[in-house]
Amino acid sequence: TIAQAKLVKVDVEGAELAVLQGMTEMFRTHRPGIIYEIDDADVAAFQQKARACAEFLGEHGYQVTPLAESYADIDWHVGHFLATESK
């Protein structure tokens, strides 16, 4: 049995916001760090997804930090982000 997660990784191929929204109850009881990935072939769609997730997490007391780019050499937009509790 896991008493309390300290870090949650979300890599769900397009359903990131839905997964984060499903974690709302957990945000009320404890505040794990969250690492998540956003990707899309279209840069505007990628930016919209990233913005929506960051705004949602911000509304729940998290600050989002982009992590280093790991797929710079492919024709696809991929970003990894770390969300931590705002101070």
Foldseek 3Di string as FASTA:
>chain_A
DDPDDQEEEEEDAPCVVVVVVVCLVVLVVDWHKYKYKFKFLDPVVSVVVVVSNQVVLVVSQWHKDWDDDDPPPDNIDMTMIIIGGHD
